[in-house]
Amino acid sequence: MPLLWVDQKTWDWLVSAVARIDRNLIGVARTLQTVEREMAAVDDAVKALETQVQANTDAEQSAIGLIQNLATLIQQNAGDPTAINALATKLKNSADSLAAAVVANTPAAET
């Protein structure tokens, strides 16, 4: 029912415009929900990446400490072949353990 100052044609146009706006808002709300889900997935991926970066950094720092300690031990025992052989065995064992850890924690390539 038209109001006194609005004719039927104008009233119909206003109703149509409001209906269009409502449909657009529903579309925007759906798009926003999709974006929120995608952002949550990205956030989870970033957190996982941060965790992995920290694990890598920790492993790298551990390896650096091991190498520095080994260099010091070699210098201290340069005149003792038995001690040098023991250090070489220790180094091989550490390298084998590190290699096994890398293999165990490397995801399989996707095909």
N, C-alpha and C. Protein backbone atom coordinates (compact mmCIF):
# COMPACT_ATOMS: atom_id res chain seq x y z
N MET A 1 0.84 -1.17 0.00
CA MET A 1 0.00 0.00 0.00
C MET A 1 0.89 1.23 0.00
N PRO A 2 0.79 2.08 -1.03
CA PRO A 2 1.66 3.25 -1.11
C PRO A 2 1.33 4.28 -0.04
N LEU A 3 2.39 4.96 0.37
CA LEU A 3 2.21 6.06 1.31
C LEU A 3 1.74 7.30 0.55
N LEU A 4 1.29 8.27 1.23
CA LEU A 4 0.74 9.46 0.59
C LEU A 4 1.75 10.18 -0.30
N TRP A 5 2.97 10.26 0.09
CA TRP A 5 3.96 11.00 -0.68
C TRP A 5 4.76 10.15 -1.66
N VAL A 6 4.49 8.85 -1.74
CA VAL A 6 5.19 7.97 -2.67
C VAL A 6 4.15 7.27 -3.54
N ASP A 7 4.33 7.39 -4.86
CA ASP A 7 3.38 6.72 -5.75
C ASP A 7 3.71 5.23 -5.85
N GLN A 8 2.84 4.43 -6.45
CA GLN A 8 3.00 2.98 -6.52
C GLN A 8 4.27 2.58 -7.25
N LYS A 9 4.60 3.26 -8.33
CA LYS A 9 5.82 2.94 -9.09
C LYS A 9 7.07 3.13 -8.24
N THR A 10 7.11 4.24 -7.53
CA THR A 10 8.26 4.51 -6.65
C THR A 10 8.31 3.49 -5.51
N TRP A 11 7.14 3.18 -4.96
CA TRP A 11 7.07 2.19 -3.88
C TRP A 11 7.59 0.83 -4.36
N ASP A 12 7.16 0.40 -5.52
CA ASP A 12 7.60 -0.88 -6.08
C ASP A 12 9.11 -0.87 -6.30
N TRP A 13 9.63 0.25 -6.79
CA TRP A 13 11.08 0.36 -7.01
C TRP A 13 11.83 0.25 -5.68
N LEU A 14 11.31 0.93 -4.64
CA LEU A 14 11.96 0.87 -3.32
C LEU A 14 11.95 -0.56 -2.77
N VAL A 15 10.83 -1.25 -2.88
CA VAL A 15 10.74 -2.63 -2.41
C VAL A 15 11.73 -3.51 -3.17
N SER A 16 11.81 -3.31 -4.48
CA SER A 16 12.74 -4.07 -5.30
C SER A 16 14.19 -3.78 -4.90
N ALA A 17 14.49 -2.50 -4.65
CA ALA A 17 15.85 -2.11 -4.26
C ALA A 17 16.23 -2.74 -2.92
N VAL A 18 15.30 -2.71 -1.98
CA VAL A 18 15.57 -3.32 -0.66
C VAL A 18 15.79 -4.82 -0.81
N ALA A 19 14.99 -5.47 -1.65
CA ALA A 19 15.16 -6.91 -1.88
C ALA A 19 16.52 -7.20 -2.50
N ARG A 20 16.96 -6.36 -3.45
CA ARG A 20 18.28 -6.52 -4.08
C ARG A 20 19.39 -6.34 -3.05
N ILE A 21 19.24 -5.33 -2.21
CA ILE A 21 20.24 -5.08 -1.17
C ILE A 21 20.31 -6.28 -0.23
N ASP A 22 19.15 -6.82 0.13
CA ASP A 22 19.11 -7.98 1.01
C ASP A 22 19.82 -9.18 0.38
N ARG A 23 19.57 -9.43 -0.90
CA ARG A 23 20.25 -10.53 -1.59
C ARG A 23 21.76 -10.30 -1.63
N ASN A 24 22.15 -9.06 -1.88
CA ASN A 24 23.58 -8.74 -1.92
C ASN A 24 24.22 -8.95 -0.55
N LEU A 25 23.52 -8.55 0.50
CA LEU A 25 24.06 -8.74 1.85
C LEU A 25 24.20 -10.22 2.19
N ILE A 26 23.24 -11.03 1.76
CA ILE A 26 23.34 -12.47 1.98
C ILE A 26 24.57 -13.02 1.26
N GLY A 27 24.80 -12.56 0.03
CA GLY A 27 25.98 -12.99 -0.73
C GLY A 27 27.27 -12.55 -0.05
N VAL A 28 27.29 -11.33 0.47
CA VAL A 28 28.47 -10.82 1.16
C VAL A 28 28.72 -11.64 2.43
N ALA A 29 27.65 -11.96 3.15
CA ALA A 29 27.80 -12.75 4.37
C ALA A 29 28.36 -14.14 4.06
N ARG A 30 27.88 -14.75 2.99
CA ARG A 30 28.41 -16.08 2.60
C ARG A 30 29.88 -15.98 2.21
N THR A 31 30.21 -14.95 1.45
CA THR A 31 31.60 -14.75 1.05
C THR A 31 32.49 -14.53 2.27
N LEU A 32 32.00 -13.76 3.22
CA LEU A 32 32.75 -13.50 4.44
C LEU A 32 32.99 -14.79 5.22
N GLN A 33 31.98 -15.65 5.29
CA GLN A 33 32.14 -16.94 5.97
C GLN A 33 33.21 -17.78 5.28
N THR A 34 33.20 -17.77 3.96
CA THR A 34 34.21 -18.53 3.21
C THR A 34 35.60 -17.98 3.48
N VAL A 35 35.72 -16.67 3.46
CA VAL A 35 37.02 -16.03 3.72
C VAL A 35 37.49 -16.34 5.14
N GLU A 36 36.57 -16.31 6.09
CA GLU A 36 36.94 -16.62 7.48
C GLU A 36 37.45 -18.06 7.60
N ARG A 37 36.79 -19.01 6.91
CA ARG A 37 37.26 -20.41 6.94
C ARG A 37 38.64 -20.52 6.31
N GLU A 38 38.83 -19.84 5.18
CA GLU A 38 40.13 -19.90 4.51
C GLU A 38 41.22 -19.25 5.36
N MET A 39 40.89 -18.15 6.02
CA MET A 39 41.87 -17.49 6.88
C MET A 39 42.22 -18.37 8.08
N ALA A 40 41.25 -19.09 8.60
CA ALA A 40 41.53 -20.01 9.70
C ALA A 40 42.49 -21.11 9.24
N ALA A 41 42.28 -21.60 8.02
CA ALA A 41 43.19 -22.62 7.48
C ALA A 41 44.58 -22.05 7.28
N VAL A 42 44.66 -20.81 6.80
CA VAL A 42 45.97 -20.16 6.62
C VAL A 42 46.64 -19.97 7.97
N ASP A 43 45.86 -19.55 8.96
CA ASP A 43 46.40 -19.35 10.30
C ASP A 43 46.96 -20.66 10.86
N ASP A 44 46.23 -21.76 10.66
CA ASP A 44 46.72 -23.07 11.11
C ASP A 44 48.02 -23.44 10.40
N ALA A 45 48.07 -23.16 9.10
CA ALA A 45 49.28 -23.48 8.33
C ALA A 45 50.46 -22.64 8.80
N VAL A 46 50.21 -21.37 9.09
CA VAL A 46 51.29 -20.49 9.57
C VAL A 46 51.80 -20.98 10.93
N LYS A 47 50.88 -21.37 11.81
CA LYS A 47 51.30 -21.88 13.12
C LYS A 47 52.13 -23.15 12.97
N ALA A 48 51.70 -24.04 12.08
CA ALA A 48 52.47 -25.27 11.84
C ALA A 48 53.85 -24.94 11.29
N LEU A 49 53.90 -23.96 10.39
CA LEU A 49 55.19 -23.55 9.82
C LEU A 49 56.08 -22.95 10.88
N GLU A 50 55.51 -22.12 11.75
CA GLU A 50 56.30 -21.54 12.83
C GLU A 50 56.88 -22.62 13.73
N THR A 51 56.07 -23.63 14.03
CA THR A 51 56.54 -24.74 14.86
C THR A 51 57.69 -25.48 14.18
N GLN A 52 57.54 -25.73 12.88
CA GLN A 52 58.58 -26.44 12.15
C GLN A 52 59.85 -25.61 12.04
N VAL A 53 59.70 -24.30 11.81
CA VAL A 53 60.87 -23.42 11.73
C VAL A 53 61.62 -23.44 13.06
N GLN A 54 60.88 -23.40 14.17
CA GLN A 54 61.52 -23.43 15.48
C GLN A 54 62.24 -24.77 15.70
N ALA A 55 61.62 -25.86 15.28
CA ALA A 55 62.26 -27.17 15.41
C ALA A 55 63.54 -27.22 14.57
N ASN A 56 63.48 -26.69 13.36
CA ASN A 56 64.67 -26.66 12.50
C ASN A 56 65.76 -25.81 13.12
N THR A 57 65.37 -24.64 13.63
CA THR A 57 66.36 -23.74 14.25
C THR A 57 67.00 -24.42 15.45
N ASP A 58 66.19 -25.09 16.26
CA ASP A 58 66.74 -25.80 17.42
C ASP A 58 67.72 -26.89 16.98
N ALA A 59 67.34 -27.64 15.95
CA ALA A 59 68.21 -28.71 15.45
C ALA A 59 69.51 -28.13 14.89
N GLU A 60 69.39 -27.02 14.16
CA GLU A 60 70.59 -26.39 13.59
C GLU A 60 71.52 -25.92 14.70
N GLN A 61 70.95 -25.29 15.73
CA GLN A 61 71.77 -24.81 16.85
C GLN A 61 72.44 -25.97 17.58
N SER A 62 71.70 -27.07 17.70
CA SER A 62 72.27 -28.26 18.33
C SER A 62 73.43 -28.80 17.51
N ALA A 63 73.25 -28.84 16.19
CA ALA A 63 74.32 -29.33 15.31
C ALA A 63 75.54 -28.40 15.38
N ILE A 64 75.30 -27.11 15.41
CA ILE A 64 76.41 -26.14 15.51
C ILE A 64 77.18 -26.38 16.81
N GLY A 65 76.45 -26.56 17.90
CA GLY A 65 77.11 -26.82 19.19
C GLY A 65 77.92 -28.10 19.15
N LEU A 66 77.35 -29.13 18.53
CA LEU A 66 78.05 -30.41 18.42
C LEU A 66 79.34 -30.24 17.62
N ILE A 67 79.28 -29.57 16.49
CA ILE A 67 80.46 -29.38 15.64
C ILE A 67 81.52 -28.56 16.36
N GLN A 68 81.09 -27.51 17.05
CA GLN A 68 82.06 -26.68 17.78
C GLN A 68 82.72 -27.48 18.91
N ASN A 69 81.93 -28.27 19.61
CA ASN A 69 82.47 -29.10 20.68
C ASN A 69 83.44 -30.13 20.10
N LEU A 70 83.07 -30.72 18.98
CA LEU A 70 83.92 -31.72 18.34
C LEU A 70 85.25 -31.10 17.90
N ALA A 71 85.20 -29.90 17.34
CA ALA A 71 86.44 -29.23 16.92
C ALA A 71 87.35 -29.00 18.11
N THR A 72 86.78 -28.59 19.22
CA THR A 72 87.58 -28.37 20.44
C THR A 72 88.20 -29.68 20.92
N LEU A 73 87.40 -30.75 20.92
CA LEU A 73 87.91 -32.06 21.37
C LEU A 73 89.04 -32.56 20.46
N ILE A 74 88.89 -32.35 19.16
CA ILE A 74 89.95 -32.78 18.23
C ILE A 74 91.24 -32.01 18.51
N GLN A 75 91.10 -30.69 18.71
CA GLN A 75 92.30 -29.88 19.01
C GLN A 75 92.96 -30.33 20.31
N GLN A 76 92.13 -30.64 21.29
CA GLN A 76 92.68 -31.04 22.59
C GLN A 76 93.35 -32.42 22.55
N ASN A 77 92.91 -33.26 21.59
CA ASN A 77 93.42 -34.64 21.54
C ASN A 77 94.23 -34.92 20.27
N ALA A 78 94.74 -33.88 19.64
CA ALA A 78 95.44 -34.04 18.37
C ALA A 78 96.62 -35.02 18.46
N GLY A 79 97.25 -35.13 19.60
CA GLY A 79 98.41 -36.01 19.74
C GLY A 79 98.06 -37.43 20.18
N ASP A 80 96.80 -37.73 20.36
CA ASP A 80 96.39 -39.04 20.88
C ASP A 80 95.52 -39.76 19.83
N PRO A 81 96.14 -40.67 19.02
CA PRO A 81 95.39 -41.35 17.97
C PRO A 81 94.17 -42.13 18.49
N THR A 82 94.26 -42.72 19.65
CA THR A 82 93.13 -43.48 20.20
C THR A 82 91.95 -42.55 20.48
N ALA A 83 92.23 -41.40 21.07
CA ALA A 83 91.18 -40.43 21.36
C ALA A 83 90.58 -39.89 20.06
N ILE A 84 91.42 -39.66 19.05
CA ILE A 84 90.94 -39.16 17.76
C ILE A 84 90.02 -40.20 17.12
N ASN A 85 90.42 -41.48 17.17
CA ASN A 85 89.57 -42.54 16.61
C ASN A 85 88.23 -42.62 17.36
N ALA A 86 88.25 -42.45 18.67
CA ALA A 86 87.02 -42.47 19.46
C ALA A 86 86.12 -41.30 19.06
N LEU A 87 86.75 -40.14 18.85
CA LEU A 87 85.98 -38.97 18.40
C LEU A 87 85.38 -39.20 17.01
N ALA A 88 86.16 -39.84 16.14
CA ALA A 88 85.65 -40.13 14.79
C ALA A 88 84.44 -41.07 14.87
N THR A 89 84.50 -42.06 15.74
CA THR A 89 83.37 -42.97 15.92
C THR A 89 82.15 -42.22 16.47
N LYS A 90 82.41 -41.35 17.43
CA LYS A 90 81.33 -40.54 18.01
C LYS A 90 80.70 -39.65 16.94
N LEU A 91 81.53 -39.07 16.10
CA LEU A 91 81.04 -38.20 15.02
C LEU A 91 80.19 -39.01 14.03
N LYS A 92 80.66 -40.22 13.67
CA LYS A 92 79.90 -41.05 12.74
C LYS A 92 78.55 -41.43 13.33
N ASN A 93 78.54 -41.78 14.61
CA ASN A 93 77.28 -42.14 15.26
C ASN A 93 76.32 -40.95 15.28
N SER A 94 76.85 -39.78 15.56
CA SER A 94 76.01 -38.57 15.58
C SER A 94 75.48 -38.28 14.19
N ALA A 95 76.33 -38.41 13.18
CA ALA A 95 75.91 -38.17 11.80
C ALA A 95 74.84 -39.17 11.38
N ASP A 96 75.01 -40.43 11.76
CA ASP A 96 74.02 -41.45 11.43
C ASP A 96 72.68 -41.15 12.10
N SER A 97 72.74 -40.74 13.37
CA SER A 97 71.51 -40.41 14.10
C SER A 97 70.82 -39.20 13.48
N LEU A 98 71.61 -38.19 13.10
CA LEU A 98 71.04 -37.00 12.47
C LEU A 98 70.41 -37.35 11.12
N ALA A 99 71.09 -38.16 10.34
CA ALA A 99 70.55 -38.56 9.04
C ALA A 99 69.25 -39.35 9.22
N ALA A 100 69.21 -40.23 10.19
CA ALA A 100 67.99 -41.01 10.44
C ALA A 100 66.85 -40.10 10.88
N ALA A 101 67.16 -39.11 11.71
CA ALA A 101 66.13 -38.17 12.16
C ALA A 101 65.59 -37.34 11.00
N VAL A 102 66.48 -36.92 10.10
CA VAL A 102 66.05 -36.14 8.94
C VAL A 102 65.13 -36.99 8.06
N VAL A 103 65.53 -38.22 7.81
CA VAL A 103 64.71 -39.10 6.98
C VAL A 103 63.36 -39.37 7.67
N ALA A 104 63.38 -39.63 8.96
CA ALA A 104 62.15 -39.96 9.68
C ALA A 104 61.19 -38.77 9.74
N ASN A 105 61.71 -37.56 9.73
CA ASN A 105 60.86 -36.38 9.86
C ASN A 105 60.64 -35.63 8.55
N THR A 106 61.05 -36.23 7.45
CA THR A 106 60.81 -35.61 6.14
C THR A 106 59.55 -36.22 5.55
N PRO A 107 58.54 -35.38 5.28
CA PRO A 107 57.31 -35.92 4.71
C PRO A 107 57.57 -36.54 3.33
N ALA A 108 56.82 -37.58 3.04
CA ALA A 108 56.94 -38.22 1.72
C ALA A 108 56.49 -37.23 0.64
N ALA A 109 57.15 -37.28 -0.49
CA ALA A 109 56.79 -36.39 -1.60
C ALA A 109 55.40 -36.76 -2.11
N GLU A 110 54.60 -35.72 -2.36
CA GLU A 110 53.26 -35.96 -2.90
C GLU A 110 53.34 -36.27 -4.36
N THR A 111 52.53 -37.24 -4.79
CA THR A 111 52.54 -37.62 -6.20
C THR A 111 51.25 -37.23 -6.85
